[in-house]
Amino acid sequence: MSNARDISDSGHQLVAWINFNGAQVTNPASTTGIRQSFGVSSVLDGGVGEYDVYFENAMPDLNYCVVAGQNSTTYTTGQRTHQYYSESHNDYTTTFFRINCKTELGVVADTQTVNVAVFR
């Protein structure tokens, strides 16, 4: 088992990150709603609570890890939200990945602050 330093030294490291306002993300994909990012070219609004995050440079394969978090309430309803990373083959490619947000009641909802880090 490798420790974090060994993994980092062998090239497995943070390759992209983003902080964005889900309520301001648009379709087609753009930088609207992005507060700050690195290694991300744009975000696409795929519908309420659904965001496709596009990489500046395509990943060489699907062997990357996405870690996501958000503020605890939605922008529109004030209910607590949770977020999950979609792993369907269509939602996970070398050029983008999908993030989905739902309220504590399981209803999809836009989230005001979405934070994502990608490691490879």
PDB file of N, CA and C in Angstrom:
ATOM      1  N   MET A   1       0.846  -1.180   0.000  1.00  0.00           N
ATOM      2  CA  MET A   1       0.000   0.000   0.000  1.00  0.00           C
ATOM      3  C   MET A   1       0.886   1.236   0.000  1.00  0.00           C
ATOM      4  N   SER A   2       0.621   2.163  -0.884  1.00  0.00           N
ATOM      5  CA  SER A   2       1.422   3.376  -1.019  1.00  0.00           C
ATOM      6  C   SER A   2       0.895   4.470  -0.111  1.00  0.00           C
ATOM      7  N   ASN A   3       1.795   5.321   0.324  1.00  0.00           N
ATOM      8  CA  ASN A   3       1.326   6.485   1.079  1.00  0.00           C
ATOM      9  C   ASN A   3       1.115   7.645   0.112  1.00  0.00           C
ATOM     10  N   ALA A   4       0.496   8.722   0.593  1.00  0.00           N
ATOM     11  CA  ALA A   4       0.146   9.856  -0.275  1.00  0.00           C
ATOM     12  C   ALA A   4       1.369  10.464  -0.944  1.00  0.00           C
ATOM     13  N   ARG A   5       2.480  10.539  -0.233  1.00  0.00           N
ATOM     14  CA  ARG A   5       3.699  11.122  -0.805  1.00  0.00           C
ATOM     15  C   ARG A   5       4.200  10.289  -1.985  1.00  0.00           C
ATOM     16  N   ASP A   6       4.202   8.942  -1.834  1.00  0.00           N
ATOM     17  CA  ASP A   6       4.632   8.067  -2.922  1.00  0.00           C
ATOM     18  C   ASP A   6       3.745   8.241  -4.150  1.00  0.00           C
ATOM     19  N   ILE A   7       2.451   8.323  -3.930  1.00  0.00           N
ATOM     20  CA  ILE A   7       1.515   8.486  -5.034  1.00  0.00           C
ATOM     21  C   ILE A   7       1.745   9.827  -5.720  1.00  0.00           C
ATOM     22  N   SER A   8       1.901  10.895  -4.937  1.00  0.00           N
ATOM     23  CA  SER A   8       2.129  12.221  -5.500  1.00  0.00           C
ATOM     24  C   SER A   8       3.441  12.264  -6.281  1.00  0.00           C
ATOM     25  N   ASP A   9       4.481  11.668  -5.735  1.00  0.00           N
ATOM     26  CA  ASP A   9       5.783  11.671  -6.400  1.00  0.00           C
ATOM     27  C   ASP A   9       5.761  10.898  -7.710  1.00  0.00           C
ATOM     28  N   SER A  10       4.864   9.926  -7.832  1.00  0.00           N
ATOM     29  CA  SER A  10       4.815   9.138  -9.063  1.00  0.00           C
ATOM     30  C   SER A  10       3.861   9.734 -10.097  1.00  0.00           C
ATOM     31  N   GLY A  11       3.368  10.950  -9.843  1.00  0.00           N
ATOM     32  CA  GLY A  11       2.554  11.633 -10.830  1.00  0.00           C
ATOM     33  C   GLY A  11       1.061  11.628 -10.557  1.00  0.00           C
ATOM     34  N   HIS A  12       0.602  10.959  -9.524  1.00  0.00           N
ATOM     35  CA  HIS A  12      -0.819  10.955  -9.180  1.00  0.00           C
ATOM     36  C   HIS A  12      -1.081  12.147  -8.280  1.00  0.00           C
ATOM     37  N   GLN A  13      -1.771  13.126  -8.829  1.00  0.00           N
ATOM     38  CA  GLN A  13      -1.931  14.364  -8.099  1.00  0.00           C
ATOM     39  C   GLN A  13      -3.189  15.102  -8.527  1.00  0.00           C
ATOM     40  N   LEU A  14      -3.445  16.223  -7.871  1.00  0.00           N
ATOM     41  CA  LEU A  14      -4.573  17.063  -8.244  1.00  0.00           C
ATOM     42  C   LEU A  14      -4.347  17.577  -9.663  1.00  0.00           C
ATOM     43  N   VAL A  15      -5.313  17.337 -10.549  1.00  0.00           N
ATOM     44  CA  VAL A  15      -5.164  17.754 -11.946  1.00  0.00           C
ATOM     45  C   VAL A  15      -6.178  18.812 -12.354  1.00  0.00           C
ATOM     46  N   ALA A  16      -7.254  18.948 -11.579  1.00  0.00           N
ATOM     47  CA  ALA A  16      -8.261  19.967 -11.879  1.00  0.00           C
ATOM     48  C   ALA A  16      -9.093  20.226 -10.631  1.00  0.00           C
ATOM     49  N   TRP A  17      -9.630  21.438 -10.536  1.00  0.00           N
ATOM     50  CA  TRP A  17     -10.573  21.766  -9.467  1.00  0.00           C
ATOM     51  C   TRP A  17     -11.453  22.915  -9.923  1.00  0.00           C
ATOM     52  N   ILE A  18     -12.614  23.046  -9.273  1.00  0.00           N
ATOM     53  CA  ILE A  18     -13.544  24.110  -9.631  1.00  0.00           C
ATOM     54  C   ILE A  18     -14.433  24.461  -8.445  1.00  0.00           C
ATOM     55  N   ASN A  19     -14.779  25.735  -8.359  1.00  0.00           N
ATOM     56  CA  ASN A  19     -15.780  26.247  -7.426  1.00  0.00           C
ATOM     57  C   ASN A  19     -16.763  27.020  -8.292  1.00  0.00           C
ATOM     58  N   PHE A  20     -18.051  26.611  -8.298  1.00  0.00           N
ATOM     59  CA  PHE A  20     -19.025  27.308  -9.136  1.00  0.00           C
ATOM     60  C   PHE A  20     -20.388  27.419  -8.463  1.00  0.00           C
ATOM     61  N   ASN A  21     -21.194  28.351  -8.976  1.00  0.00           N
ATOM     62  CA  ASN A  21     -22.565  28.566  -8.528  1.00  0.00           C
ATOM     63  C   ASN A  21     -23.481  27.820  -9.484  1.00  0.00           C
ATOM     64  N   GLY A  22     -24.081  26.737  -9.028  1.00  0.00           N
ATOM     65  CA  GLY A  22     -24.926  25.911  -9.877  1.00  0.00           C
ATOM     66  C   GLY A  22     -26.144  26.639 -10.425  1.00  0.00           C
ATOM     67  N   ALA A  23     -26.615  27.644  -9.707  1.00  0.00           N
ATOM     68  CA  ALA A  23     -27.786  28.390 -10.169  1.00  0.00           C
ATOM     69  C   ALA A  23     -27.459  29.307 -11.343  1.00  0.00           C
ATOM     70  N   GLN A  24     -26.163  29.565 -11.587  1.00  0.00           N
ATOM     71  CA  GLN A  24     -25.762  30.461 -12.670  1.00  0.00           C
ATOM     72  C   GLN A  24     -25.186  29.740 -13.878  1.00  0.00           C
ATOM     73  N   VAL A  25     -25.030  28.422 -13.799  1.00  0.00           N
ATOM     74  CA  VAL A  25     -24.479  27.646 -14.908  1.00  0.00           C
ATOM     75  C   VAL A  25     -25.473  27.651 -16.064  1.00  0.00           C
ATOM     76  N   THR A  26     -24.959  27.721 -17.296  1.00  0.00           N
ATOM     77  CA  THR A  26     -25.817  27.840 -18.475  1.00  0.00           C
ATOM     78  C   THR A  26     -25.674  26.647 -19.422  1.00  0.00           C
ATOM     79  N   ASN A  27     -26.518  26.623 -20.422  1.00  0.00           N
ATOM     80  CA  ASN A  27     -26.430  25.675 -21.512  1.00  0.00           C
ATOM     81  C   ASN A  27     -26.566  26.498 -22.790  1.00  0.00           C
ATOM     82  N   PRO A  28     -25.635  26.511 -23.695  1.00  0.00           N
ATOM     83  CA  PRO A  28     -24.490  25.617 -23.821  1.00  0.00           C
ATOM     84  C   PRO A  28     -23.415  25.890 -22.774  1.00  0.00           C
ATOM     85  N   ALA A  29     -22.448  24.972 -22.735  1.00  0.00           N
ATOM     86  CA  ALA A  29     -21.372  25.061 -21.757  1.00  0.00           C
ATOM     87  C   ALA A  29     -20.651  26.402 -21.871  1.00  0.00           C
ATOM     88  N   SER A  30     -20.317  26.968 -20.714  1.00  0.00           N
ATOM     89  CA  SER A  30     -19.606  28.244 -20.688  1.00  0.00           C
ATOM     90  C   SER A  30     -18.880  28.372 -19.359  1.00  0.00           C
ATOM     91  N   THR A  31     -18.310  29.529 -19.123  1.00  0.00           N
ATOM     92  CA  THR A  31     -17.662  29.791 -17.839  1.00  0.00           C
ATOM     93  C   THR A  31     -18.598  30.531 -16.889  1.00  0.00           C
ATOM     94  N   THR A  32     -19.844  30.767 -17.310  1.00  0.00           N
ATOM     95  CA  THR A  32     -20.818  31.431 -16.458  1.00  0.00           C
ATOM     96  C   THR A  32     -21.043  30.609 -15.193  1.00  0.00           C
ATOM     97  N   GLY A  33     -20.976  31.256 -14.068  1.00  0.00           N
ATOM     98  CA  GLY A  33     -21.174  30.582 -12.789  1.00  0.00           C
ATOM     99  C   GLY A  33     -19.885  30.121 -12.146  1.00  0.00           C
ATOM    100  N   ILE A  34     -18.794  30.035 -12.917  1.00  0.00           N
ATOM    101  CA  ILE A  34     -17.519  29.586 -12.354  1.00  0.00           C
ATOM    102  C   ILE A  34     -16.887  30.732 -11.555  1.00  0.00           C
ATOM    103  N   ARG A  35     -16.622  30.463 -10.277  1.00  0.00           N
ATOM    104  CA  ARG A  35     -15.939  31.453  -9.439  1.00  0.00           C
ATOM    105  C   ARG A  35     -14.424  31.371  -9.647  1.00  0.00           C
ATOM    106  N   GLN A  36     -13.901  30.174  -9.555  1.00  0.00           N
ATOM    107  CA  GLN A  36     -12.477  29.912  -9.778  1.00  0.00           C
ATOM    108  C   GLN A  36     -12.339  28.470 -10.240  1.00  0.00           C
ATOM    109  N   SER A  37     -11.281  28.206 -10.982  1.00  0.00           N
ATOM    110  CA  SER A  37     -11.038  26.832 -11.420  1.00  0.00           C
ATOM    111  C   SER A  37      -9.598  26.678 -11.879  1.00  0.00           C
ATOM    112  N   PHE A  38      -9.209  25.436 -12.041  1.00  0.00           N
ATOM    113  CA  PHE A  38      -7.917  25.081 -12.615  1.00  0.00           C
ATOM    114  C   PHE A  38      -8.123  23.787 -13.394  1.00  0.00           C
ATOM    115  N   GLY A  39      -7.688  23.742 -14.639  1.00  0.00           N
ATOM    116  CA  GLY A  39      -7.800  22.534 -15.448  1.00  0.00           C
ATOM    117  C   GLY A  39      -9.211  22.258 -15.950  1.00  0.00           C
ATOM    118  N   VAL A  40     -10.116  23.230 -15.771  1.00  0.00           N
ATOM    119  CA  VAL A  40     -11.503  23.101 -16.215  1.00  0.00           C
ATOM    120  C   VAL A  40     -11.768  24.173 -17.263  1.00  0.00           C
ATOM    121  N   SER A  41     -12.364  23.782 -18.376  1.00  0.00           N
ATOM    122  CA  SER A  41     -12.637  24.764 -19.430  1.00  0.00           C
ATOM    123  C   SER A  41     -14.025  25.373 -19.320  1.00  0.00           C
ATOM    124  N   SER A  42     -15.014  24.572 -18.877  1.00  0.00           N
ATOM    125  CA  SER A  42     -16.394  25.066 -18.830  1.00  0.00           C
ATOM    126  C   SER A  42     -17.276  24.115 -18.042  1.00  0.00           C
ATOM    127  N   VAL A  43     -18.501  24.594 -17.776  1.00  0.00           N
ATOM    128  CA  VAL A  43     -19.524  23.779 -17.118  1.00  0.00           C
ATOM    129  C   VAL A  43     -20.812  23.910 -17.932  1.00  0.00           C
ATOM    130  N   LEU A  44     -21.510  22.815 -18.114  1.00  0.00           N
ATOM    131  CA  LEU A  44     -22.770  22.782 -18.847  1.00  0.00           C
ATOM    132  C   LEU A  44     -23.904  22.486 -17.877  1.00  0.00           C
ATOM    133  N   ASP A  45     -24.986  23.235 -17.989  1.00  0.00           N
ATOM    134  CA  ASP A  45     -26.185  22.968 -17.207  1.00  0.00           C
ATOM    135  C   ASP A  45     -26.960  21.873 -17.912  1.00  0.00           C
ATOM    136  N   GLY A  46     -27.033  20.697 -17.295  1.00  0.00           N
ATOM    137  CA  GLY A  46     -27.742  19.575 -17.892  1.00  0.00           C
ATOM    138  C   GLY A  46     -29.183  19.476 -17.428  1.00  0.00           C
ATOM    139  N   GLY A  47     -29.645  20.476 -16.693  1.00  0.00           N
ATOM    140  CA  GLY A  47     -30.976  20.477 -16.110  1.00  0.00           C
ATOM    141  C   GLY A  47     -30.851  20.840 -14.646  1.00  0.00           C
ATOM    142  N   VAL A  48     -31.940  20.890 -13.944  1.00  0.00           N
ATOM    143  CA  VAL A  48     -31.908  21.269 -12.534  1.00  0.00           C
ATOM    144  C   VAL A  48     -31.016  20.297 -11.767  1.00  0.00           C
ATOM    145  N   GLY A  49     -30.029  20.840 -11.056  1.00  0.00           N
ATOM    146  CA  GLY A  49     -29.152  20.039 -10.218  1.00  0.00           C
ATOM    147  C   GLY A  49     -28.178  19.141 -10.947  1.00  0.00           C
ATOM    148  N   GLU A  50     -27.999  19.309 -12.254  1.00  0.00           N
ATOM    149  CA  GLU A  50     -27.110  18.449 -13.033  1.00  0.00           C
ATOM    150  C   GLU A  50     -26.101  19.303 -13.786  1.00  0.00           C
ATOM    151  N   TYR A  51     -24.823  18.996 -13.596  1.00  0.00           N
ATOM    152  CA  TYR A  51     -23.756  19.800 -14.197  1.00  0.00           C
ATOM    153  C   TYR A  51     -22.712  18.897 -14.835  1.00  0.00           C
ATOM    154  N   ASP A  52     -22.347  19.191 -16.075  1.00  0.00           N
ATOM    155  CA  ASP A  52     -21.243  18.513 -16.739  1.00  0.00           C
ATOM    156  C   ASP A  52     -20.039  19.428 -16.673  1.00  0.00           C
ATOM    157  N   VAL A  53     -18.961  18.942 -16.073  1.00  0.00           N
ATOM    158  CA  VAL A  53     -17.734  19.716 -15.911  1.00  0.00           C
ATOM    159  C   VAL A  53     -16.735  19.225 -16.955  1.00  0.00           C
ATOM    160  N   TYR A  54     -16.266  20.137 -17.819  1.00  0.00           N
ATOM    161  CA  TYR A  54     -15.363  19.799 -18.924  1.00  0.00           C
ATOM    162  C   TYR A  54     -13.921  20.156 -18.583  1.00  0.00           C
ATOM    163  N   PHE A  55     -13.015  19.242 -18.893  1.00  0.00           N
ATOM    164  CA  PHE A  55     -11.586  19.459 -18.665  1.00  0.00           C
ATOM    165  C   PHE A  55     -10.993  20.363 -19.740  1.00  0.00           C
ATOM    166  N   GLU A  56      -9.979  21.141 -19.370  1.00  0.00           N
ATOM    167  CA  GLU A  56      -9.215  21.916 -20.357  1.00  0.00           C
ATOM    168  C   GLU A  56      -8.507  20.983 -21.327  1.00  0.00           C
ATOM    169  N   ASN A  57      -7.912  19.928 -20.788  1.00  0.00           N
ATOM    170  CA  ASN A  57      -7.217  18.922 -21.588  1.00  0.00           C
ATOM    171  C   ASN A  57      -7.807  17.562 -21.245  1.00  0.00           C
ATOM    172  N   ALA A  58      -8.093  16.775 -22.254  1.00  0.00           N
ATOM    173  CA  ALA A  58      -8.692  15.459 -22.023  1.00  0.00           C
ATOM    174  C   ALA A  58      -7.780  14.587 -21.168  1.00  0.00           C
ATOM    175  N   MET A  59      -8.388  13.780 -20.317  1.00  0.00           N
ATOM    176  CA  MET A  59      -7.647  12.803 -19.523  1.00  0.00           C
ATOM    177  C   MET A  59      -7.180  11.689 -20.458  1.00  0.00           C
ATOM    178  N   PRO A  60      -6.059  11.050 -20.163  1.00  0.00           N
ATOM    179  CA  PRO A  60      -5.581   9.972 -21.032  1.00  0.00           C
ATOM    180  C   PRO A  60      -6.439   8.708 -20.933  1.00  0.00           C
ATOM    181  N   ASP A  61      -7.207   8.581 -19.827  1.00  0.00           N
ATOM    182  CA  ASP A  61      -8.073   7.423 -19.615  1.00  0.00           C
ATOM    183  C   ASP A  61      -9.097   7.779 -18.539  1.00  0.00           C
ATOM    184  N   LEU A  62      -9.863   6.805 -18.108  1.00  0.00           N
ATOM    185  CA  LEU A  62     -10.904   7.051 -17.108  1.00  0.00           C
ATOM    186  C   LEU A  62     -10.433   6.822 -15.672  1.00  0.00           C
ATOM    187  N   ASN A  63      -9.139   6.663 -15.478  1.00  0.00           N
ATOM    188  CA  ASN A  63      -8.593   6.370 -14.157  1.00  0.00           C
ATOM    189  C   ASN A  63      -8.317   7.636 -13.360  1.00  0.00           C
ATOM    190  N   TYR A  64      -9.373   8.412 -13.130  1.00  0.00           N
ATOM    191  CA  TYR A  64      -9.251   9.596 -12.285  1.00  0.00           C
ATOM    192  C   TYR A  64     -10.315   9.555 -11.201  1.00  0.00           C
ATOM    193  N   CYS A  65     -10.109  10.342 -10.172  1.00  0.00           N
ATOM    194  CA  CYS A  65     -10.986  10.346  -9.012  1.00  0.00           C
ATOM    195  C   CYS A  65     -11.588  11.737  -8.830  1.00  0.00           C
ATOM    196  N   VAL A  66     -12.903  11.799  -8.677  1.00  0.00           N
ATOM    197  CA  VAL A  66     -13.603  13.065  -8.471  1.00  0.00           C
ATOM    198  C   VAL A  66     -14.096  13.123  -7.035  1.00  0.00           C
ATOM    199  N   VAL A  67     -13.774  14.229  -6.346  1.00  0.00           N
ATOM    200  CA  VAL A  67     -14.237  14.464  -4.989  1.00  0.00           C
ATOM    201  C   VAL A  67     -15.062  15.744  -5.027  1.00  0.00           C
ATOM    202  N   ALA A  68     -16.316  15.671  -4.574  1.00  0.00           N
ATOM    203  CA  ALA A  68     -17.214  16.822  -4.677  1.00  0.00           C
ATOM    204  C   ALA A  68     -17.830  17.164  -3.328  1.00  0.00           C
ATOM    205  N   GLY A  69     -18.137  18.451  -3.172  1.00  0.00           N
ATOM    206  CA  GLY A  69     -18.822  18.929  -1.981  1.00  0.00           C
ATOM    207  C   GLY A  69     -19.606  20.173  -2.342  1.00  0.00           C
ATOM    208  N   GLN A  70     -20.451  20.629  -1.444  1.00  0.00           N
ATOM    209  CA  GLN A  70     -21.261  21.806  -1.730  1.00  0.00           C
ATOM    210  C   GLN A  70     -21.707  22.438  -0.418  1.00  0.00           C
ATOM    211  N   ASN A  71     -22.317  23.640  -0.530  1.00  0.00           N
ATOM    212  CA  ASN A  71     -22.881  24.226   0.671  1.00  0.00           C
ATOM    213  C   ASN A  71     -24.062  23.368   1.105  1.00  0.00           C
ATOM    214  N   SER A  72     -24.508  23.544   2.316  1.00  0.00           N
ATOM    215  CA  SER A  72     -25.493  22.619   2.870  1.00  0.00           C
ATOM    216  C   SER A  72     -26.929  22.921   2.476  1.00  0.00           C
ATOM    217  N   THR A  73     -27.180  24.042   1.803  1.00  0.00           N
ATOM    218  CA  THR A  73     -28.556  24.343   1.396  1.00  0.00           C
ATOM    219  C   THR A  73     -28.598  24.691  -0.080  1.00  0.00           C
ATOM    220  N   THR A  74     -29.738  24.478  -0.699  1.00  0.00           N
ATOM    221  CA  THR A  74     -29.879  24.798  -2.109  1.00  0.00           C
ATOM    222  C   THR A  74     -30.097  26.290  -2.286  1.00  0.00           C
ATOM    223  N   TYR A  75     -29.841  26.743  -3.474  1.00  0.00           N
ATOM    224  CA  TYR A  75     -30.014  28.150  -3.819  1.00  0.00           C
ATOM    225  C   TYR A  75     -31.489  28.516  -3.834  1.00  0.00           C
ATOM    226  N   THR A  76     -32.335  27.608  -4.265  1.00  0.00           N
ATOM    227  CA  THR A  76     -33.745  27.945  -4.485  1.00  0.00           C
ATOM    228  C   THR A  76     -34.685  27.516  -3.365  1.00  0.00           C
ATOM    229  N   THR A  77     -34.422  26.380  -2.709  1.00  0.00           N
ATOM    230  CA  THR A  77     -35.395  25.871  -1.738  1.00  0.00           C
ATOM    231  C   THR A  77     -34.979  26.054  -0.287  1.00  0.00           C
ATOM    232  N   GLY A  78     -33.697  26.241  -0.026  1.00  0.00           N
ATOM    233  CA  GLY A  78     -33.230  26.351   1.351  1.00  0.00           C
ATOM    234  C   GLY A  78     -33.110  25.010   2.048  1.00  0.00           C
ATOM    235  N   GLN A  79     -33.458  23.904   1.363  1.00  0.00           N
ATOM    236  CA  GLN A  79     -33.327  22.588   1.972  1.00  0.00           C
ATOM    237  C   GLN A  79     -31.888  22.109   1.896  1.00  0.00           C
ATOM    238  N   ARG A  80     -31.535  21.220   2.786  1.00  0.00           N
ATOM    239  CA  ARG A  80     -30.194  20.636   2.748  1.00  0.00           C
ATOM    240  C   ARG A  80     -30.028  19.830   1.467  1.00  0.00           C
ATOM    241  N   THR A  81     -28.809  19.848   0.943  1.00  0.00           N
ATOM    242  CA  THR A  81     -28.537  19.097  -0.282  1.00  0.00           C
ATOM    243  C   THR A  81     -27.408  18.110  -0.064  1.00  0.00           C
ATOM    244  N   HIS A  82     -27.361  17.136  -0.904  1.00  0.00           N
ATOM    245  CA  HIS A  82     -26.193  16.277  -1.005  1.00  0.00           C
ATOM    246  C   HIS A  82     -25.889  16.123  -2.485  1.00  0.00           C
ATOM    247  N   GLN A  83     -24.694  15.711  -2.746  1.00  0.00           N
ATOM    248  CA  GLN A  83     -24.229  15.676  -4.115  1.00  0.00           C
ATOM    249  C   GLN A  83     -23.643  14.313  -4.377  1.00  0.00           C
ATOM    250  N   TYR A  84     -23.801  13.837  -5.555  1.00  0.00           N
ATOM    251  CA  TYR A  84     -23.135  12.596  -5.892  1.00  0.00           C
ATOM    252  C   TYR A  84     -22.562  12.691  -7.296  1.00  0.00           C
ATOM    253  N   TYR A  85     -21.554  11.937  -7.481  1.00  0.00           N
ATOM    254  CA  TYR A  85     -20.821  11.903  -8.737  1.00  0.00           C
ATOM    255  C   TYR A  85     -21.410  10.789  -9.569  1.00  0.00           C
ATOM    256  N   SER A  86     -21.872  11.103 -10.752  1.00  0.00           N
ATOM    257  CA  SER A  86     -22.524  10.125 -11.603  1.00  0.00           C
ATOM    258  C   SER A  86     -21.482   9.250 -12.296  1.00  0.00           C
ATOM    259  N   GLU A  87     -21.665   7.952 -12.223  1.00  0.00           N
ATOM    260  CA  GLU A  87     -20.674   7.040 -12.798  1.00  0.00           C
ATOM    261  C   GLU A  87     -21.191   6.235 -13.976  1.00  0.00           C
ATOM    262  N   SER A  88     -22.282   6.670 -14.558  1.00  0.00           N
ATOM    263  CA  SER A  88     -22.765   6.006 -15.767  1.00  0.00           C
ATOM    264  C   SER A  88     -21.707   6.168 -16.853  1.00  0.00           C
ATOM    265  N   HIS A  89     -21.613   5.214 -17.747  1.00  0.00           N
ATOM    266  CA  HIS A  89     -20.623   5.313 -18.827  1.00  0.00           C
ATOM    267  C   HIS A  89     -20.812   6.583 -19.654  1.00  0.00           C
ATOM    268  N   ASN A  90     -22.030   7.041 -19.779  1.00  0.00           N
ATOM    269  CA  ASN A  90     -22.289   8.249 -20.553  1.00  0.00           C
ATOM    270  C   ASN A  90     -21.942   9.525 -19.788  1.00  0.00           C
ATOM    271  N   ASP A  91     -21.806   9.428 -18.474  1.00  0.00           N
ATOM    272  CA  ASP A  91     -21.586  10.599 -17.630  1.00  0.00           C
ATOM    273  C   ASP A  91     -20.152  10.707 -17.121  1.00  0.00           C
ATOM    274  N   TYR A  92     -19.273   9.892 -17.643  1.00  0.00           N
ATOM    275  CA  TYR A  92     -17.909   9.794 -17.133  1.00  0.00           C
ATOM    276  C   TYR A  92     -17.003   9.497 -18.321  1.00  0.00           C
ATOM    277  N   THR A  93     -16.340  10.513 -18.839  1.00  0.00           N
ATOM    278  CA  THR A  93     -15.513  10.320 -20.030  1.00  0.00           C
ATOM    279  C   THR A  93     -14.146  10.952 -19.801  1.00  0.00           C
ATOM    280  N   THR A  94     -13.314  10.914 -20.814  1.00  0.00           N
ATOM    281  CA  THR A  94     -12.005  11.558 -20.710  1.00  0.00           C
ATOM    282  C   THR A  94     -12.098  13.075 -20.851  1.00  0.00           C
ATOM    283  N   THR A  95     -13.236  13.582 -21.312  1.00  0.00           N
ATOM    284  CA  THR A  95     -13.381  15.024 -21.521  1.00  0.00           C
ATOM    285  C   THR A  95     -14.279  15.724 -20.510  1.00  0.00           C
ATOM    286  N   PHE A  96     -15.166  14.977 -19.823  1.00  0.00           N
ATOM    287  CA  PHE A  96     -16.039  15.585 -18.822  1.00  0.00           C
ATOM    288  C   PHE A  96     -16.552  14.539 -17.839  1.00  0.00           C
ATOM    289  N   PHE A  97     -17.102  15.023 -16.720  1.00  0.00           N
ATOM    290  CA  PHE A  97     -17.813  14.182 -15.767  1.00  0.00           C
ATOM    291  C   PHE A  97     -19.048  14.941 -15.298  1.00  0.00           C
ATOM    292  N   ARG A  98     -20.030  14.209 -14.778  1.00  0.00           N
ATOM    293  CA  ARG A  98     -21.284  14.817 -14.357  1.00  0.00           C
ATOM    294  C   ARG A  98     -21.404  14.816 -12.829  1.00  0.00           C
ATOM    295  N   ILE A  99     -21.892  15.937 -12.305  1.00  0.00           N
ATOM    296  CA  ILE A  99     -22.211  16.086 -10.885  1.00  0.00           C
ATOM    297  C   ILE A  99     -23.718  16.280 -10.780  1.00  0.00           C
ATOM    298  N   ASN A 100     -24.349  15.610  -9.831  1.00  0.00           N
ATOM    299  CA  ASN A 100     -25.784  15.754  -9.593  1.00  0.00           C
ATOM    300  C   ASN A 100     -26.023  16.205  -8.165  1.00  0.00           C
ATOM    301  N   CYS A 101     -27.008  17.068  -7.951  1.00  0.00           N
ATOM    302  CA  CYS A 101     -27.361  17.568  -6.621  1.00  0.00           C
ATOM    303  C   CYS A 101     -28.831  17.311  -6.348  1.00  0.00           C
ATOM    304  N   LYS A 102     -29.133  16.862  -5.133  1.00  0.00           N
ATOM    305  CA  LYS A 102     -30.508  16.637  -4.704  1.00  0.00           C
ATOM    306  C   LYS A 102     -30.701  17.196  -3.304  1.00  0.00           C
ATOM    307  N   THR A 103     -31.946  17.527  -2.980  1.00  0.00           N
ATOM    308  CA  THR A 103     -32.269  17.985  -1.629  1.00  0.00           C
ATOM    309  C   THR A 103     -32.337  16.786  -0.691  1.00  0.00           C
ATOM    310  N   GLU A 104     -32.488  17.094   0.583  1.00  0.00           N
ATOM    311  CA  GLU A 104     -32.618  16.029   1.572  1.00  0.00           C
ATOM    312  C   GLU A 104     -33.855  15.169   1.333  1.00  0.00           C
ATOM    313  N   LEU A 105     -34.807  15.665   0.549  1.00  0.00           N
ATOM    314  CA  LEU A 105     -36.018  14.917   0.211  1.00  0.00           C
ATOM    315  C   LEU A 105     -35.865  14.138  -1.089  1.00  0.00           C
ATOM    316  N   GLY A 106     -34.667  14.177  -1.704  1.00  0.00           N
ATOM    317  CA  GLY A 106     -34.405  13.437  -2.928  1.00  0.00           C
ATOM    318  C   GLY A 106     -34.831  14.144  -4.195  1.00  0.00           C
ATOM    319  N   VAL A 107     -35.133  15.435  -4.101  1.00  0.00           N
ATOM    320  CA  VAL A 107     -35.561  16.222  -5.253  1.00  0.00           C
ATOM    321  C   VAL A 107     -34.346  16.932  -5.846  1.00  0.00           C
ATOM    322  N   VAL A 108     -34.159  16.850  -7.177  1.00  0.00           N
ATOM    323  CA  VAL A 108     -33.031  17.538  -7.798  1.00  0.00           C
ATOM    324  C   VAL A 108     -33.152  19.042  -7.572  1.00  0.00           C
ATOM    325  N   ALA A 109     -32.014  19.701  -7.339  1.00  0.00           N
ATOM    326  CA  ALA A 109     -32.033  21.136  -7.060  1.00  0.00           C
ATOM    327  C   ALA A 109     -30.687  21.755  -7.393  1.00  0.00           C
ATOM    328  N   ASP A 110     -30.725  22.991  -7.887  1.00  0.00           N
ATOM    329  CA  ASP A 110     -29.494  23.738  -8.112  1.00  0.00           C
ATOM    330  C   ASP A 110     -28.891  24.119  -6.762  1.00  0.00           C
ATOM    331  N   THR A 111     -27.582  24.055  -6.683  1.00  0.00           N
ATOM    332  CA  THR A 111     -26.864  24.354  -5.449  1.00  0.00           C
ATOM    333  C   THR A 111     -25.986  25.572  -5.674  1.00  0.00           C
ATOM    334  N   GLN A 112     -26.012  26.490  -4.723  1.00  0.00           N
ATOM    335  CA  GLN A 112     -25.317  27.762  -4.883  1.00  0.00           C
ATOM    336  C   GLN A 112     -23.800  27.621  -4.930  1.00  0.00           C
ATOM    337  N   THR A 113     -23.244  26.733  -4.124  1.00  0.00           N
ATOM    338  CA  THR A 113     -21.799  26.557  -4.118  1.00  0.00           C
ATOM    339  C   THR A 113     -21.460  25.077  -4.328  1.00  0.00           C
ATOM    340  N   VAL A 114     -20.787  24.787  -5.432  1.00  0.00           N
ATOM    341  CA  VAL A 114     -20.342  23.433  -5.737  1.00  0.00           C
ATOM    342  C   VAL A 114     -18.822  23.470  -5.837  1.00  0.00           C
ATOM    343  N   ASN A 115     -18.162  22.558  -5.120  1.00  0.00           N
ATOM    344  CA  ASN A 115     -16.695  22.464  -5.118  1.00  0.00           C
ATOM    345  C   ASN A 115     -16.308  21.061  -5.563  1.00  0.00           C
ATOM    346  N   VAL A 116     -15.373  20.961  -6.496  1.00  0.00           N
ATOM    347  CA  VAL A 116     -14.960  19.656  -7.019  1.00  0.00           C
ATOM    348  C   VAL A 116     -13.439  19.662  -7.204  1.00  0.00           C
ATOM    349  N   ALA A 117     -12.811  18.537  -6.828  1.00  0.00           N
ATOM    350  CA  ALA A 117     -11.390  18.324  -7.072  1.00  0.00           C
ATOM    351  C   ALA A 117     -11.235  17.012  -7.824  1.00  0.00           C
ATOM    352  N   VAL A 118     -10.309  16.975  -8.786  1.00  0.00           N
ATOM    353  CA  VAL A 118     -10.061  15.786  -9.589  1.00  0.00           C
ATOM    354  C   VAL A 118      -8.607  15.380  -9.412  1.00  0.00           C
ATOM    355  N   PHE A 119      -8.405  14.112  -9.057  1.00  0.00           N
ATOM    356  CA  PHE A 119      -7.060  13.567  -8.856  1.00  0.00           C
ATOM    357  C   PHE A 119      -6.805  12.490  -9.895  1.00  0.00           C
ATOM    358  N   ARG A 120      -5.554  12.389 -10.301  1.00  0.00           N
ATOM    359  CA  ARG A 120      -5.146  11.319 -11.210  1.00  0.00           C
ATOM    360  C   ARG A 120      -3.687  10.982 -10.964  1.00  0.00           C
TER     361      ARG A 120
END
